Amino acid sequence: MKASAGDRLIVEGTYGGDVRKEGLIIQVEHADGSPPYLVRWLEDGHESLVYPGPDARIVAAAR
């Protein structure tokens, strides 16, 4: 998985009650675009360092 600042990270719910989460990648730790990513979650604005799992995907920002 590779990303750039400005891309969106989408994490799909994998269990019945889980909901989809969407966040804005605000910082990428490695020059090659590999995780971890600093993400600002859109639902509440909190930020967290994320190592995306298999239920996550990147949506590239329009450049």
PDB file of N, CA and C in Angstrom:
ATOM      1  N   MET A   1       0.852  -1.171   0.000  1.00  0.00           N
ATOM      2  CA  MET A   1       0.000   0.000   0.000  1.00  0.00           C
ATOM      3  C   MET A   1       0.898   1.236   0.000  1.00  0.00           C
ATOM      4  N   LYS A   2       0.604   2.165  -0.900  1.00  0.00           N
ATOM      5  CA  LYS A   2       1.367   3.409  -1.016  1.00  0.00           C
ATOM      6  C   LYS A   2       0.388   4.582  -1.005  1.00  0.00           C
ATOM      7  N   ALA A   3       0.783   5.665  -0.360  1.00  0.00           N
ATOM      8  CA  ALA A   3      -0.093   6.839  -0.263  1.00  0.00           C
ATOM      9  C   ALA A   3       0.748   8.106  -0.216  1.00  0.00           C
ATOM     10  N   SER A   4       0.055   9.225  -0.386  1.00  0.00           N
ATOM     11  CA  SER A   4       0.654  10.554  -0.275  1.00  0.00           C
ATOM     12  C   SER A   4      -0.249  11.398   0.603  1.00  0.00           C
ATOM     13  N   ALA A   5       0.325  12.437   1.200  1.00  0.00           N
ATOM     14  CA  ALA A   5      -0.490  13.370   1.966  1.00  0.00           C
ATOM     15  C   ALA A   5      -1.574  13.929   1.043  1.00  0.00           C
ATOM     16  N   GLY A   6      -2.793  14.000   1.545  1.00  0.00           N
ATOM     17  CA  GLY A   6      -3.922  14.477   0.754  1.00  0.00           C
ATOM     18  C   GLY A   6      -4.813  13.356   0.240  1.00  0.00           C
ATOM     19  N   ASP A   7      -4.282  12.129   0.215  1.00  0.00           N
ATOM     20  CA  ASP A   7      -5.101  10.973  -0.172  1.00  0.00           C
ATOM     21  C   ASP A   7      -6.085  10.659   0.952  1.00  0.00           C
ATOM     22  N   ARG A   8      -7.087   9.871   0.637  1.00  0.00           N
ATOM     23  CA  ARG A   8      -8.052   9.436   1.643  1.00  0.00           C
ATOM     24  C   ARG A   8      -7.820   7.974   1.974  1.00  0.00           C
ATOM     25  N   LEU A   9      -7.988   7.660   3.243  1.00  0.00           N
ATOM     26  CA  LEU A   9      -7.915   6.278   3.705  1.00  0.00           C
ATOM     27  C   LEU A   9      -9.325   5.855   4.073  1.00  0.00           C
ATOM     28  N   ILE A  10      -9.783   4.763   3.476  1.00  0.00           N
ATOM     29  CA  ILE A  10     -11.112   4.237   3.764  1.00  0.00           C
ATOM     30  C   ILE A  10     -10.948   2.867   4.392  1.00  0.00           C
ATOM     31  N   VAL A  11     -11.553   2.699   5.557  1.00  0.00           N
ATOM     32  CA  VAL A  11     -11.517   1.429   6.268  1.00  0.00           C
ATOM     33  C   VAL A  11     -12.941   0.901   6.307  1.00  0.00           C
ATOM     34  N   GLU A  12     -13.163  -0.220   5.648  1.00  0.00           N
ATOM     35  CA  GLU A  12     -14.493  -0.823   5.599  1.00  0.00           C
ATOM     36  C   GLU A  12     -14.746  -1.620   6.873  1.00  0.00           C
ATOM     37  N   GLY A  13     -15.977  -1.578   7.364  1.00  0.00           N
ATOM     38  CA  GLY A  13     -16.348  -2.382   8.512  1.00  0.00           C
ATOM     39  C   GLY A  13     -16.339  -3.855   8.126  1.00  0.00           C
ATOM     40  N   THR A  14     -15.694  -4.693   8.930  1.00  0.00           N
ATOM     41  CA  THR A  14     -15.607  -6.104   8.591  1.00  0.00           C
ATOM     42  C   THR A  14     -16.567  -6.968   9.394  1.00  0.00           C
ATOM     43  N   TYR A  15     -17.218  -6.385  10.385  1.00  0.00           N
ATOM     44  CA  TYR A  15     -18.177  -7.119  11.211  1.00  0.00           C
ATOM     45  C   TYR A  15     -19.539  -6.464  11.071  1.00  0.00           C
ATOM     46  N   GLY A  16     -20.592  -7.182  11.434  1.00  0.00           N
ATOM     47  CA  GLY A  16     -21.959  -6.716  11.246  1.00  0.00           C
ATOM     48  C   GLY A  16     -22.248  -5.300  11.703  1.00  0.00           C
ATOM     49  N   GLY A  17     -21.788  -4.913  12.890  1.00  0.00           N
ATOM     50  CA  GLY A  17     -22.099  -3.590  13.418  1.00  0.00           C
ATOM     51  C   GLY A  17     -21.080  -2.522  13.099  1.00  0.00           C
ATOM     52  N   ASP A  18     -19.977  -2.905  12.466  1.00  0.00           N
ATOM     53  CA  ASP A  18     -18.933  -1.927  12.151  1.00  0.00           C
ATOM     54  C   ASP A  18     -19.382  -1.013  11.021  1.00  0.00           C
ATOM     55  N   VAL A  19     -18.932   0.225  11.092  1.00  0.00           N
ATOM     56  CA  VAL A  19     -19.239   1.180  10.033  1.00  0.00           C
ATOM     57  C   VAL A  19     -17.965   1.539   9.284  1.00  0.00           C
ATOM     58  N   ARG A  20     -18.144   2.017   8.094  1.00  0.00           N
ATOM     59  CA  ARG A  20     -17.027   2.467   7.272  1.00  0.00           C
ATOM     60  C   ARG A  20     -16.465   3.750   7.881  1.00  0.00           C
ATOM     61  N   LYS A  21     -15.133   3.845   7.947  1.00  0.00           N
ATOM     62  CA  LYS A  21     -14.475   5.055   8.430  1.00  0.00           C
ATOM     63  C   LYS A  21     -13.677   5.652   7.282  1.00  0.00           C
ATOM     64  N   GLU A  22     -13.682   6.965   7.211  1.00  0.00           N
ATOM     65  CA  GLU A  22     -12.935   7.652   6.167  1.00  0.00           C
ATOM     66  C   GLU A  22     -12.105   8.754   6.794  1.00  0.00           C
ATOM     67  N   GLY A  23     -10.846   8.841   6.356  1.00  0.00           N
ATOM     68  CA  GLY A  23      -9.956   9.852   6.898  1.00  0.00           C
ATOM     69  C   GLY A  23      -9.069  10.450   5.822  1.00  0.00           C
ATOM     70  N   LEU A  24      -8.515  11.596   6.147  1.00  0.00           N
ATOM     71  CA  LEU A  24      -7.592  12.306   5.259  1.00  0.00           C
ATOM     72  C   LEU A  24      -6.175  12.032   5.745  1.00  0.00           C
ATOM     73  N   ILE A  25      -5.326  11.547   4.857  1.00  0.00           N
ATOM     74  CA  ILE A  25      -3.936  11.311   5.215  1.00  0.00           C
ATOM     75  C   ILE A  25      -3.234  12.661   5.225  1.00  0.00           C
ATOM     76  N   ILE A  26      -2.727  13.039   6.399  1.00  0.00           N
ATOM     77  CA  ILE A  26      -2.094  14.352   6.513  1.00  0.00           C
ATOM     78  C   ILE A  26      -0.571  14.269   6.578  1.00  0.00           C
ATOM     79  N   GLN A  27      -0.052  13.058   6.827  1.00  0.00           N
ATOM     80  CA  GLN A  27       1.402  12.890   6.836  1.00  0.00           C
ATOM     81  C   GLN A  27       1.745  11.445   6.523  1.00  0.00           C
ATOM     82  N   VAL A  28       2.762  11.269   5.687  1.00  0.00           N
ATOM     83  CA  VAL A  28       3.273   9.943   5.345  1.00  0.00           C
ATOM     84  C   VAL A  28       4.673   9.851   5.928  1.00  0.00           C
ATOM     85  N   GLU A  29       4.941   8.816   6.704  1.00  0.00           N
ATOM     86  CA  GLU A  29       6.203   8.690   7.432  1.00  0.00           C
ATOM     87  C   GLU A  29       7.390   8.321   6.550  1.00  0.00           C
ATOM     88  N   HIS A  30       7.163   7.584   5.461  1.00  0.00           N
ATOM     89  CA  HIS A  30       8.260   7.106   4.625  1.00  0.00           C
ATOM     90  C   HIS A  30       8.209   7.717   3.223  1.00  0.00           C
ATOM     91  N   ALA A  31       9.379   7.982   2.668  1.00  0.00           N
ATOM     92  CA  ALA A  31       9.472   8.604   1.344  1.00  0.00           C
ATOM     93  C   ALA A  31       8.852   7.746   0.242  1.00  0.00           C
ATOM     94  N   ASP A  32       8.805   6.424   0.432  1.00  0.00           N
ATOM     95  CA  ASP A  32       8.233   5.549  -0.592  1.00  0.00           C
ATOM     96  C   ASP A  32       6.710   5.423  -0.497  1.00  0.00           C
ATOM     97  N   GLY A  33       6.093   6.136   0.455  1.00  0.00           N
ATOM     98  CA  GLY A  33       4.634   6.131   0.570  1.00  0.00           C
ATOM     99  C   GLY A  33       4.060   4.981   1.371  1.00  0.00           C
ATOM    100  N   SER A  34       4.933   4.193   1.997  1.00  0.00           N
ATOM    101  CA  SER A  34       4.442   3.058   2.785  1.00  0.00           C
ATOM    102  C   SER A  34       3.999   3.513   4.181  1.00  0.00           C
ATOM    103  N   PRO A  35       3.162   2.709   4.843  1.00  0.00           N
ATOM    104  CA  PRO A  35       2.679   3.057   6.192  1.00  0.00           C
ATOM    105  C   PRO A  35       3.827   3.125   7.197  1.00  0.00           C
ATOM    106  N   PRO A  36       3.583   3.804   8.310  1.00  0.00           N
ATOM    107  CA  PRO A  36       2.311   4.286   8.830  1.00  0.00           C
ATOM    108  C   PRO A  36       1.949   5.655   8.266  1.00  0.00           C
ATOM    109  N   TYR A  37       0.667   6.008   8.448  1.00  0.00           N
ATOM    110  CA  TYR A  37       0.142   7.289   8.002  1.00  0.00           C
ATOM    111  C   TYR A  37      -0.489   8.018   9.177  1.00  0.00           C
ATOM    112  N   LEU A  38      -0.306   9.332   9.230  1.00  0.00           N
ATOM    113  CA  LEU A  38      -1.028  10.144  10.194  1.00  0.00           C
ATOM    114  C   LEU A  38      -2.336  10.544   9.511  1.00  0.00           C
ATOM    115  N   VAL A  39      -3.452  10.151  10.120  1.00  0.00           N
ATOM    116  CA  VAL A  39      -4.770  10.319   9.500  1.00  0.00           C
ATOM    117  C   VAL A  39      -5.656  11.189  10.381  1.00  0.00           C
ATOM    118  N   ARG A  40      -6.363  12.138   9.757  1.00  0.00           N
ATOM    119  CA  ARG A  40      -7.401  12.921  10.439  1.00  0.00           C
ATOM    120  C   ARG A  40      -8.740  12.325  10.013  1.00  0.00           C
ATOM    121  N   TRP A  41      -9.445  11.733  10.979  1.00  0.00           N
ATOM    122  CA  TRP A  41     -10.714  11.068  10.694  1.00  0.00           C
ATOM    123  C   TRP A  41     -11.814  12.096  10.482  1.00  0.00           C
ATOM    124  N   LEU A  42     -12.585  11.916   9.415  1.00  0.00           N
ATOM    125  CA  LEU A  42     -13.585  12.907   9.013  1.00  0.00           C
ATOM    126  C   LEU A  42     -14.764  12.965   9.973  1.00  0.00           C
ATOM    127  N   GLU A  43     -15.119  11.863  10.612  1.00  0.00           N
ATOM    128  CA  GLU A  43     -16.312  11.853  11.462  1.00  0.00           C
ATOM    129  C   GLU A  43     -16.172  12.720  12.703  1.00  0.00           C
ATOM    130  N   ASP A  44     -14.954  12.814  13.261  1.00  0.00           N
ATOM    131  CA  ASP A  44     -14.814  13.602  14.493  1.00  0.00           C
ATOM    132  C   ASP A  44     -13.551  14.459  14.545  1.00  0.00           C
ATOM    133  N   GLY A  45     -12.716  14.400  13.507  1.00  0.00           N
ATOM    134  CA  GLY A  45     -11.539  15.257  13.433  1.00  0.00           C
ATOM    135  C   GLY A  45     -10.339  14.812  14.244  1.00  0.00           C
ATOM    136  N   HIS A  46     -10.449  13.685  14.959  1.00  0.00           N
ATOM    137  CA  HIS A  46      -9.270  13.264  15.724  1.00  0.00           C
ATOM    138  C   HIS A  46      -8.220  12.690  14.783  1.00  0.00           C
ATOM    139  N   GLU A  47      -6.971  12.724  15.239  1.00  0.00           N
ATOM    140  CA  GLU A  47      -5.860  12.247  14.434  1.00  0.00           C
ATOM    141  C   GLU A  47      -5.238  11.025  15.090  1.00  0.00           C
ATOM    142  N   SER A  48      -4.798  10.086  14.255  1.00  0.00           N
ATOM    143  CA  SER A  48      -4.134   8.901  14.769  1.00  0.00           C
ATOM    144  C   SER A  48      -3.127   8.378  13.759  1.00  0.00           C
ATOM    145  N   LEU A  49      -2.129   7.671  14.280  1.00  0.00           N
ATOM    146  CA  LEU A  49      -1.135   7.019  13.446  1.00  0.00           C
ATOM    147  C   LEU A  49      -1.682   5.657  13.071  1.00  0.00           C
ATOM    148  N   VAL A  50      -1.740   5.371  11.762  1.00  0.00           N
ATOM    149  CA  VAL A  50      -2.432   4.173  11.281  1.00  0.00           C
ATOM    150  C   VAL A  50      -1.502   3.295  10.457  1.00  0.00           C
ATOM    151  N   TYR A  51      -1.541   2.008  10.765  1.00  0.00           N
ATOM    152  CA  TYR A  51      -0.943   0.965   9.947  1.00  0.00           C
ATOM    153  C   TYR A  51      -2.125   0.225   9.324  1.00  0.00           C
ATOM    154  N   PRO A  52      -2.525   0.560   8.096  1.00  0.00           N
ATOM    155  CA  PRO A  52      -3.748  -0.009   7.518  1.00  0.00           C
ATOM    156  C   PRO A  52      -3.690  -1.528   7.392  1.00  0.00           C
ATOM    157  N   GLY A  53      -4.832  -2.141   7.647  1.00  0.00           N
ATOM    158  CA  GLY A  53      -4.970  -3.585   7.501  1.00  0.00           C
ATOM    159  C   GLY A  53      -5.594  -3.947   6.168  1.00  0.00           C
ATOM    160  N   PRO A  54      -5.972  -5.214   6.006  1.00  0.00           N
ATOM    161  CA  PRO A  54      -6.525  -5.688   4.731  1.00  0.00           C
ATOM    162  C   PRO A  54      -7.908  -5.134   4.414  1.00  0.00           C
ATOM    163  N   ASP A  55      -8.563  -4.523   5.404  1.00  0.00           N
ATOM    164  CA  ASP A  55      -9.888  -3.948   5.186  1.00  0.00           C
ATOM    165  C   ASP A  55      -9.812  -2.472   4.779  1.00  0.00           C
ATOM    166  N   ALA A  56      -8.605  -1.979   4.492  1.00  0.00           N
ATOM    167  CA  ALA A  56      -8.408  -0.564   4.150  1.00  0.00           C
ATOM    168  C   ALA A  56      -7.993  -0.403   2.693  1.00  0.00           C
ATOM    169  N   ARG A  57      -8.317   0.775   2.154  1.00  0.00           N
ATOM    170  CA  ARG A  57      -7.872   1.110   0.800  1.00  0.00           C
ATOM    171  C   ARG A  57      -7.586   2.594   0.730  1.00  0.00           C
ATOM    172  N   ILE A  58      -6.769   2.969  -0.229  1.00  0.00           N
ATOM    173  CA  ILE A  58      -6.381   4.358  -0.455  1.00  0.00           C
ATOM    174  C   ILE A  58      -7.111   4.883  -1.678  1.00  0.00           C
ATOM    175  N   VAL A  59      -7.641   6.100  -1.560  1.00  0.00           N
ATOM    176  CA  VAL A  59      -8.226   6.788  -2.711  1.00  0.00           C
ATOM    177  C   VAL A  59      -7.333   8.009  -2.957  1.00  0.00           C
ATOM    178  N   ALA A  60      -6.668   8.009  -4.098  1.00  0.00           N
ATOM    179  CA  ALA A  60      -5.731   9.081  -4.419  1.00  0.00           C
ATOM    180  C   ALA A  60      -6.453  10.408  -4.606  1.00  0.00           C
ATOM    181  N   ALA A  61      -5.824  11.467  -4.106  1.00  0.00           N
ATOM    182  CA  ALA A  61      -6.349  12.817  -4.297  1.00  0.00           C
ATOM    183  C   ALA A  61      -6.154  13.229  -5.743  1.00  0.00           C
ATOM    184  N   ALA A  62      -7.031  14.062  -6.242  1.00  0.00           N
ATOM    185  CA  ALA A  62      -6.859  14.594  -7.596  1.00  0.00           C
ATOM    186  C   ALA A  62      -5.620  15.494  -7.581  1.00  0.00           C
ATOM    187  N   ARG A  63      -4.706  15.235  -8.454  1.00  0.00           N
ATOM    188  CA  ARG A  63      -3.461  16.002  -8.462  1.00  0.00           C
ATOM    189  C   ARG A  63      -3.351  16.826  -9.714  1.00  0.00           C
TER     190      ARG A  63
END
